[in-house]
Amino acid sequence: MAVKDEIEERLTAAFAPSVLEVVNESHKHAGHAGDDGSGASHFHITIRAAAFGPMSRLARHRAVQAALGDLNQRVHAIGLDVG
């Protein structure tokens, strides 16, 4: 399964988001630090879910990172827009 699909699957299962957009930005970082040549090293995630309502910004980010689990070690960089 592609990393993008794994990210979408895990976040959907964890939060049932009303908005989920996962953008692979690896091409912007080709040849830079963290680019492993896989084409799946840098992502930007926009997610909106009712579950985030009572959480602080930091708690939202931690919840997303926890839901991604081991993907955090397989992906060099993940940008988050969580709400």
PDB file of N, CA and C in Angstrom:
ATOM      1  N   MET A   1       0.839  -1.178   0.000  1.00  0.00           N
ATOM      2  CA  MET A   1       0.000   0.000   0.000  1.00  0.00           C
ATOM      3  C   MET A   1       0.886   1.244   0.000  1.00  0.00           C
ATOM      4  N   ALA A   2       0.503   2.220  -0.766  1.00  0.00           N
ATOM      5  CA  ALA A   2       1.250   3.480  -0.841  1.00  0.00           C
ATOM      6  C   ALA A   2       1.169   4.214   0.495  1.00  0.00           C
ATOM      7  N   VAL A   3       2.211   4.944   0.823  1.00  0.00           N
ATOM      8  CA  VAL A   3       2.269   5.677   2.084  1.00  0.00           C
ATOM      9  C   VAL A   3       1.085   6.641   2.194  1.00  0.00           C
ATOM     10  N   LYS A   4       0.766   7.351   1.130  1.00  0.00           N
ATOM     11  CA  LYS A   4      -0.363   8.288   1.139  1.00  0.00           C
ATOM     12  C   LYS A   4      -1.650   7.561   1.521  1.00  0.00           C
ATOM     13  N   ASP A   5      -1.859   6.387   0.960  1.00  0.00           N
ATOM     14  CA  ASP A   5      -3.059   5.603   1.266  1.00  0.00           C
ATOM     15  C   ASP A   5      -3.062   5.141   2.720  1.00  0.00           C
ATOM     16  N   GLU A   6      -1.899   4.766   3.233  1.00  0.00           N
ATOM     17  CA  GLU A   6      -1.794   4.360   4.641  1.00  0.00           C
ATOM     18  C   GLU A   6      -2.141   5.515   5.570  1.00  0.00           C
ATOM     19  N   ILE A   7      -1.638   6.703   5.241  1.00  0.00           N
ATOM     20  CA  ILE A   7      -1.929   7.880   6.048  1.00  0.00           C
ATOM     21  C   ILE A   7      -3.438   8.128   6.067  1.00  0.00           C
ATOM     22  N   GLU A   8      -4.046   8.118   4.896  1.00  0.00           N
ATOM     23  CA  GLU A   8      -5.489   8.357   4.802  1.00  0.00           C
ATOM     24  C   GLU A   8      -6.281   7.310   5.575  1.00  0.00           C
ATOM     25  N   GLU A   9      -5.890   6.052   5.444  1.00  0.00           N
ATOM     26  CA  GLU A   9      -6.591   4.963   6.117  1.00  0.00           C
ATOM     27  C   GLU A   9      -6.512   5.103   7.641  1.00  0.00           C
ATOM     28  N   ARG A  10      -5.323   5.375   8.149  1.00  0.00           N
ATOM     29  CA  ARG A  10      -5.137   5.484   9.601  1.00  0.00           C
ATOM     30  C   ARG A  10      -5.881   6.679  10.188  1.00  0.00           C
ATOM     31  N   LEU A  11      -5.815   7.810   9.506  1.00  0.00           N
ATOM     32  CA  LEU A  11      -6.476   9.003  10.030  1.00  0.00           C
ATOM     33  C   LEU A  11      -7.993   8.895   9.923  1.00  0.00           C
ATOM     34  N   THR A  12      -8.483   8.273   8.879  1.00  0.00           N
ATOM     35  CA  THR A  12      -9.927   8.063   8.744  1.00  0.00           C
ATOM     36  C   THR A  12     -10.430   7.148   9.853  1.00  0.00           C
ATOM     37  N   ALA A  13      -9.701   6.085  10.123  1.00  0.00           N
ATOM     38  CA  ALA A  13     -10.098   5.142  11.175  1.00  0.00           C
ATOM     39  C   ALA A  13     -10.057   5.802  12.558  1.00  0.00           C
ATOM     40  N   ALA A  14      -9.087   6.647  12.790  1.00  0.00           N
ATOM     41  CA  ALA A  14      -8.909   7.253  14.111  1.00  0.00           C
ATOM     42  C   ALA A  14      -9.864   8.413  14.393  1.00  0.00           C
ATOM     43  N   PHE A  15     -10.199   9.199  13.353  1.00  0.00           N
ATOM     44  CA  PHE A  15     -10.913  10.451  13.606  1.00  0.00           C
ATOM     45  C   PHE A  15     -12.207  10.650  12.821  1.00  0.00           C
ATOM     46  N   ALA A  16     -12.510   9.805  11.836  1.00  0.00           N
ATOM     47  CA  ALA A  16     -13.697  10.000  10.981  1.00  0.00           C
ATOM     48  C   ALA A  16     -13.789  11.470  10.545  1.00  0.00           C
ATOM     49  N   PRO A  17     -12.757  11.969   9.879  1.00  0.00           N
ATOM     50  CA  PRO A  17     -12.701  13.400   9.579  1.00  0.00           C
ATOM     51  C   PRO A  17     -13.769  13.854   8.579  1.00  0.00           C
ATOM     52  N   SER A  18     -14.170  15.122   8.718  1.00  0.00           N
ATOM     53  CA  SER A  18     -15.063  15.733   7.744  1.00  0.00           C
ATOM     54  C   SER A  18     -14.268  16.243   6.550  1.00  0.00           C
ATOM     55  N   VAL A  19     -12.994  16.538   6.781  1.00  0.00           N
ATOM     56  CA  VAL A  19     -12.071  16.954   5.727  1.00  0.00           C
ATOM     57  C   VAL A  19     -10.764  16.211   5.946  1.00  0.00           C
ATOM     58  N   LEU A  20     -10.253  15.606   4.889  1.00  0.00           N
ATOM     59  CA  LEU A  20      -8.939  14.972   4.946  1.00  0.00           C
ATOM     60  C   LEU A  20      -8.285  15.105   3.586  1.00  0.00           C
ATOM     61  N   GLU A  21      -7.176  15.806   3.566  1.00  0.00           N
ATOM     62  CA  GLU A  21      -6.409  15.979   2.334  1.00  0.00           C
ATOM     63  C   GLU A  21      -4.957  15.646   2.648  1.00  0.00           C
ATOM     64  N   VAL A  22      -4.431  14.672   1.935  1.00  0.00           N
ATOM     65  CA  VAL A  22      -3.043  14.268   2.105  1.00  0.00           C
ATOM     66  C   VAL A  22      -2.328  14.545   0.782  1.00  0.00           C
ATOM     67  N   VAL A  23      -1.359  15.441   0.823  1.00  0.00           N
ATOM     68  CA  VAL A  23      -0.638  15.845  -0.379  1.00  0.00           C
ATOM     69  C   VAL A  23       0.805  15.376  -0.278  1.00  0.00           C
ATOM     70  N   ASN A  24       1.240  14.629  -1.269  1.00  0.00           N
ATOM     71  CA  ASN A  24       2.626  14.183  -1.338  1.00  0.00           C
ATOM     72  C   ASN A  24       3.447  15.332  -1.924  1.00  0.00           C
ATOM     73  N   GLU A  25       4.320  15.904  -1.108  1.00  0.00           N
ATOM     74  CA  GLU A  25       5.160  17.024  -1.527  1.00  0.00           C
ATOM     75  C   GLU A  25       6.613  16.607  -1.728  1.00  0.00           C
ATOM     76  N   SER A  26       6.848  15.334  -1.866  1.00  0.00           N
ATOM     77  CA  SER A  26       8.209  14.807  -1.971  1.00  0.00           C
ATOM     78  C   SER A  26       8.964  15.399  -3.154  1.00  0.00           C
ATOM     79  N   HIS A  27       8.260  15.651  -4.246  1.00  0.00           N
ATOM     80  CA  HIS A  27       8.918  16.192  -5.433  1.00  0.00           C
ATOM     81  C   HIS A  27       9.557  17.563  -5.167  1.00  0.00           C
ATOM     82  N   LYS A  28       9.039  18.304  -4.207  1.00  0.00           N
ATOM     83  CA  LYS A  28       9.594  19.613  -3.867  1.00  0.00           C
ATOM     84  C   LYS A  28      10.932  19.502  -3.133  1.00  0.00           C
ATOM     85  N   HIS A  29      11.236  18.303  -2.644  1.00  0.00           N
ATOM     86  CA  HIS A  29      12.414  18.101  -1.814  1.00  0.00           C
ATOM     87  C   HIS A  29      13.434  17.157  -2.450  1.00  0.00           C
ATOM     88  N   ALA A  30      13.266  16.871  -3.716  1.00  0.00           N
ATOM     89  CA  ALA A  30      14.175  15.960  -4.416  1.00  0.00           C
ATOM     90  C   ALA A  30      15.615  16.461  -4.297  1.00  0.00           C
ATOM     91  N   GLY A  31      16.495  15.572  -3.856  1.00  0.00           N
ATOM     92  CA  GLY A  31      17.896  15.905  -3.715  1.00  0.00           C
ATOM     93  C   GLY A  31      18.253  16.597  -2.419  1.00  0.00           C
ATOM     94  N   HIS A  32      17.268  16.894  -1.585  1.00  0.00           N
ATOM     95  CA  HIS A  32      17.517  17.560  -0.305  1.00  0.00           C
ATOM     96  C   HIS A  32      17.604  16.531   0.814  1.00  0.00           C
ATOM     97  N   ALA A  33      17.972  16.990   1.979  1.00  0.00           N
ATOM     98  CA  ALA A  33      18.046  16.113   3.147  1.00  0.00           C
ATOM     99  C   ALA A  33      16.702  15.436   3.376  1.00  0.00           C
ATOM    100  N   GLY A  34      16.746  14.173   3.668  1.00  0.00           N
ATOM    101  CA  GLY A  34      15.528  13.419   3.937  1.00  0.00           C
ATOM    102  C   GLY A  34      14.911  12.788   2.718  1.00  0.00           C
ATOM    103  N   ASP A  35      15.352  13.175   1.533  1.00  0.00           N
ATOM    104  CA  ASP A  35      14.833  12.560   0.308  1.00  0.00           C
ATOM    105  C   ASP A  35      15.531  11.228   0.114  1.00  0.00           C
ATOM    106  N   ASP A  36      14.778  10.156   0.274  1.00  0.00           N
ATOM    107  CA  ASP A  36      15.361   8.823   0.137  1.00  0.00           C
ATOM    108  C   ASP A  36      15.174   8.249  -1.262  1.00  0.00           C
ATOM    109  N   GLY A  37      14.606   9.059  -2.168  1.00  0.00           N
ATOM    110  CA  GLY A  37      14.406   8.604  -3.537  1.00  0.00           C
ATOM    111  C   GLY A  37      13.140   7.793  -3.728  1.00  0.00           C
ATOM    112  N   SER A  38      12.391   7.555  -2.664  1.00  0.00           N
ATOM    113  CA  SER A  38      11.177   6.732  -2.774  1.00  0.00           C
ATOM    114  C   SER A  38      10.000   7.497  -3.351  1.00  0.00           C
ATOM    115  N   GLY A  39      10.077   8.827  -3.313  1.00  0.00           N
ATOM    116  CA  GLY A  39       8.945   9.633  -3.745  1.00  0.00           C
ATOM    117  C   GLY A  39       7.862   9.703  -2.687  1.00  0.00           C
ATOM    118  N   ALA A  40       8.178   9.261  -1.476  1.00  0.00           N
ATOM    119  CA  ALA A  40       7.207   9.268  -0.378  1.00  0.00           C
ATOM    120  C   ALA A  40       7.887   9.686   0.924  1.00  0.00           C
ATOM    121  N   SER A  41       8.557  10.846   0.881  1.00  0.00           N
ATOM    122  CA  SER A  41       9.308  11.282   2.053  1.00  0.00           C
ATOM    123  C   SER A  41       8.732  12.520   2.733  1.00  0.00           C
ATOM    124  N   HIS A  42       7.924  13.297   2.016  1.00  0.00           N
ATOM    125  CA  HIS A  42       7.389  14.547   2.544  1.00  0.00           C
ATOM    126  C   HIS A  42       5.901  14.648   2.217  1.00  0.00           C
ATOM    127  N   PHE A  43       5.086  14.912   3.249  1.00  0.00           N
ATOM    128  CA  PHE A  43       3.641  15.017   3.047  1.00  0.00           C
ATOM    129  C   PHE A  43       3.098  16.224   3.804  1.00  0.00           C
ATOM    130  N   HIS A  44       1.994  16.740   3.318  1.00  0.00           N
ATOM    131  CA  HIS A  44       1.250  17.768   4.048  1.00  0.00           C
ATOM    132  C   HIS A  44      -0.168  17.252   4.232  1.00  0.00           C
ATOM    133  N   ILE A  45      -0.651  17.330   5.475  1.00  0.00           N
ATOM    134  CA  ILE A  45      -1.963  16.806   5.828  1.00  0.00           C
ATOM    135  C   ILE A  45      -2.842  17.941   6.331  1.00  0.00           C
ATOM    136  N   THR A  46      -4.027  18.042   5.745  1.00  0.00           N
ATOM    137  CA  THR A  46      -5.068  18.926   6.248  1.00  0.00           C
ATOM    138  C   THR A  46      -6.179  18.017   6.741  1.00  0.00           C
ATOM    139  N   ILE A  47      -6.562  18.180   7.994  1.00  0.00           N
ATOM    140  CA  ILE A  47      -7.590  17.325   8.580  1.00  0.00           C
ATOM    141  C   ILE A  47      -8.488  18.143   9.494  1.00  0.00           C
ATOM    142  N   ARG A  48      -9.787  17.900   9.374  1.00  0.00           N
ATOM    143  CA  ARG A  48     -10.787  18.514  10.242  1.00  0.00           C
ATOM    144  C   ARG A  48     -11.657  17.393  10.784  1.00  0.00           C
ATOM    145  N   ALA A  49     -11.889  17.393  12.091  1.00  0.00           N
ATOM    146  CA  ALA A  49     -12.712  16.361  12.702  1.00  0.00           C
ATOM    147  C   ALA A  49     -13.321  16.897  13.993  1.00  0.00           C
ATOM    148  N   ALA A  50     -14.528  16.465  14.275  1.00  0.00           N
ATOM    149  CA  ALA A  50     -15.205  16.873  15.504  1.00  0.00           C
ATOM    150  C   ALA A  50     -14.403  16.462  16.743  1.00  0.00           C
ATOM    151  N   ALA A  51     -13.691  15.366  16.647  1.00  0.00           N
ATOM    152  CA  ALA A  51     -12.904  14.865  17.781  1.00  0.00           C
ATOM    153  C   ALA A  51     -11.850  15.864  18.249  1.00  0.00           C
ATOM    154  N   PHE A  52     -11.423  16.760  17.377  1.00  0.00           N
ATOM    155  CA  PHE A  52     -10.399  17.733  17.736  1.00  0.00           C
ATOM    156  C   PHE A  52     -10.963  18.939  18.485  1.00  0.00           C
ATOM    157  N   GLY A  53     -12.275  19.092  18.503  1.00  0.00           N
ATOM    158  CA  GLY A  53     -12.923  20.269  19.078  1.00  0.00           C
ATOM    159  C   GLY A  53     -12.404  20.694  20.432  1.00  0.00           C
ATOM    160  N   PRO A  54     -12.383  19.809  21.428  1.00  0.00           N
ATOM    161  CA  PRO A  54     -11.966  20.224  22.765  1.00  0.00           C
ATOM    162  C   PRO A  54     -10.446  20.232  22.978  1.00  0.00           C
ATOM    163  N   MET A  55      -9.684  19.826  21.989  1.00  0.00           N
ATOM    164  CA  MET A  55      -8.231  19.688  22.162  1.00  0.00           C
ATOM    165  C   MET A  55      -7.488  20.986  21.856  1.00  0.00           C
ATOM    166  N   SER A  56      -6.376  21.171  22.535  1.00  0.00           N
ATOM    167  CA  SER A  56      -5.468  22.271  22.204  1.00  0.00           C
ATOM    168  C   SER A  56      -4.773  21.923  20.885  1.00  0.00           C
ATOM    169  N   ARG A  57      -4.128  22.907  20.310  1.00  0.00           N
ATOM    170  CA  ARG A  57      -3.401  22.681  19.051  1.00  0.00           C
ATOM    171  C   ARG A  57      -2.342  21.595  19.230  1.00  0.00           C
ATOM    172  N   LEU A  58      -1.606  21.655  20.320  1.00  0.00           N
ATOM    173  CA  LEU A  58      -0.571  20.669  20.586  1.00  0.00           C
ATOM    174  C   LEU A  58      -1.172  19.270  20.738  1.00  0.00           C
ATOM    175  N   ALA A  59      -2.278  19.159  21.453  1.00  0.00           N
ATOM    176  CA  ALA A  59      -2.933  17.863  21.636  1.00  0.00           C
ATOM    177  C   ALA A  59      -3.428  17.303  20.309  1.00  0.00           C
ATOM    178  N   ARG A  60      -3.902  18.168  19.422  1.00  0.00           N
ATOM    179  CA  ARG A  60      -4.345  17.729  18.090  1.00  0.00           C
ATOM    180  C   ARG A  60      -3.181  17.126  17.307  1.00  0.00           C
ATOM    181  N   HIS A  61      -2.062  17.826  17.332  1.00  0.00           N
ATOM    182  CA  HIS A  61      -0.885  17.339  16.609  1.00  0.00           C
ATOM    183  C   HIS A  61      -0.408  16.007  17.192  1.00  0.00           C
ATOM    184  N   ARG A  62      -0.388  15.913  18.507  1.00  0.00           N
ATOM    185  CA  ARG A  62       0.028  14.668  19.151  1.00  0.00           C
ATOM    186  C   ARG A  62      -0.922  13.518  18.809  1.00  0.00           C
ATOM    187  N   ALA A  63      -2.212  13.804  18.750  1.00  0.00           N
ATOM    188  CA  ALA A  63      -3.195  12.772  18.411  1.00  0.00           C
ATOM    189  C   ALA A  63      -2.982  12.264  16.988  1.00  0.00           C
ATOM    190  N   VAL A  64      -2.708  13.173  16.064  1.00  0.00           N
ATOM    191  CA  VAL A  64      -2.449  12.764  14.678  1.00  0.00           C
ATOM    192  C   VAL A  64      -1.177  11.931  14.615  1.00  0.00           C
ATOM    193  N   GLN A  65      -0.125  12.383  15.273  1.00  0.00           N
ATOM    194  CA  GLN A  65       1.127  11.627  15.266  1.00  0.00           C
ATOM    195  C   GLN A  65       0.931  10.237  15.870  1.00  0.00           C
ATOM    196  N   ALA A  66       0.159  10.141  16.930  1.00  0.00           N
ATOM    197  CA  ALA A  66      -0.113   8.841  17.553  1.00  0.00           C
ATOM    198  C   ALA A  66      -0.875   7.931  16.593  1.00  0.00           C
ATOM    199  N   ALA A  67      -1.840   8.485  15.880  1.00  0.00           N
ATOM    200  CA  ALA A  67      -2.619   7.692  14.919  1.00  0.00           C
ATOM    201  C   ALA A  67      -1.748   7.208  13.764  1.00  0.00           C
ATOM    202  N   LEU A  68      -0.747   7.991  13.392  1.00  0.00           N
ATOM    203  CA  LEU A  68       0.142   7.593  12.289  1.00  0.00           C
ATOM    204  C   LEU A  68       1.130   6.511  12.727  1.00  0.00           C
ATOM    205  N   GLY A  69       1.404   6.435  14.019  1.00  0.00           N
ATOM    206  CA  GLY A  69       2.255   5.372  14.550  1.00  0.00           C
ATOM    207  C   GLY A  69       3.599   5.259  13.865  1.00  0.00           C
ATOM    208  N   ASP A  70       3.917   4.067  13.367  1.00  0.00           N
ATOM    209  CA  ASP A  70       5.228   3.805  12.774  1.00  0.00           C
ATOM    210  C   ASP A  70       5.482   4.560  11.476  1.00  0.00           C
ATOM    211  N   LEU A  71       4.464   5.150  10.883  1.00  0.00           N
ATOM    212  CA  LEU A  71       4.686   5.945   9.674  1.00  0.00           C
ATOM    213  C   LEU A  71       5.573   7.150   9.971  1.00  0.00           C
ATOM    214  N   ASN A  72       5.562   7.599  11.227  1.00  0.00           N
ATOM    215  CA  ASN A  72       6.413   8.724  11.606  1.00  0.00           C
ATOM    216  C   ASN A  72       7.894   8.423  11.385  1.00  0.00           C
ATOM    217  N   GLN A  73       8.288   7.178  11.505  1.00  0.00           N
ATOM    218  CA  GLN A  73       9.679   6.802  11.288  1.00  0.00           C
ATOM    219  C   GLN A  73       9.978   6.557   9.807  1.00  0.00           C
ATOM    220  N   ARG A  74       8.959   6.269   9.026  1.00  0.00           N
ATOM    221  CA  ARG A  74       9.146   5.957   7.602  1.00  0.00           C
ATOM    222  C   ARG A  74       9.083   7.185   6.706  1.00  0.00           C
ATOM    223  N   VAL A  75       8.521   8.273   7.215  1.00  0.00           N
ATOM    224  CA  VAL A  75       8.367   9.513   6.444  1.00  0.00           C
ATOM    225  C   VAL A  75       9.263  10.572   7.068  1.00  0.00           C
ATOM    226  N   HIS A  76       9.997  11.291   6.235  1.00  0.00           N
ATOM    227  CA  HIS A  76      10.941  12.291   6.751  1.00  0.00           C
ATOM    228  C   HIS A  76      10.234  13.502   7.355  1.00  0.00           C
ATOM    229  N   ALA A  77       9.196  13.995   6.680  1.00  0.00           N
ATOM    230  CA  ALA A  77       8.538  15.224   7.148  1.00  0.00           C
ATOM    231  C   ALA A  77       7.046  15.175   6.871  1.00  0.00           C
ATOM    232  N   ILE A  78       6.280  15.603   7.883  1.00  0.00           N
ATOM    233  CA  ILE A  78       4.834  15.708   7.747  1.00  0.00           C
ATOM    234  C   ILE A  78       4.420  17.075   8.255  1.00  0.00           C
ATOM    235  N   GLY A  79       3.833  17.871   7.359  1.00  0.00           N
ATOM    236  CA  GLY A  79       3.273  19.160   7.744  1.00  0.00           C
ATOM    237  C   GLY A  79       1.814  18.947   8.113  1.00  0.00           C
ATOM    238  N   LEU A  80       1.352  19.599   9.178  1.00  0.00           N
ATOM    239  CA  LEU A  80      -0.014  19.403   9.635  1.00  0.00           C
ATOM    240  C   LEU A  80      -0.799  20.703   9.703  1.00  0.00           C
ATOM    241  N   ASP A  81      -2.025  20.632   9.231  1.00  0.00           N
ATOM    242  CA  ASP A  81      -3.021  21.683   9.401  1.00  0.00           C
ATOM    243  C   ASP A  81      -4.214  20.960  10.023  1.00  0.00           C
ATOM    244  N   VAL A  82      -4.305  21.033  11.346  1.00  0.00           N
ATOM    245  CA  VAL A  82      -5.282  20.240  12.092  1.00  0.00           C
ATOM    246  C   VAL A  82      -6.322  21.153  12.724  1.00  0.00           C
ATOM    247  N   GLY A  83      -7.581  20.809  12.535  1.00  0.00           N
ATOM    248  CA  GLY A  83      -8.632  21.628  13.123  1.00  0.00           C
ATOM    249  C   GLY A  83      -9.885  20.864  13.352  1.00  0.00           C
TER     250      GLY A  83
END
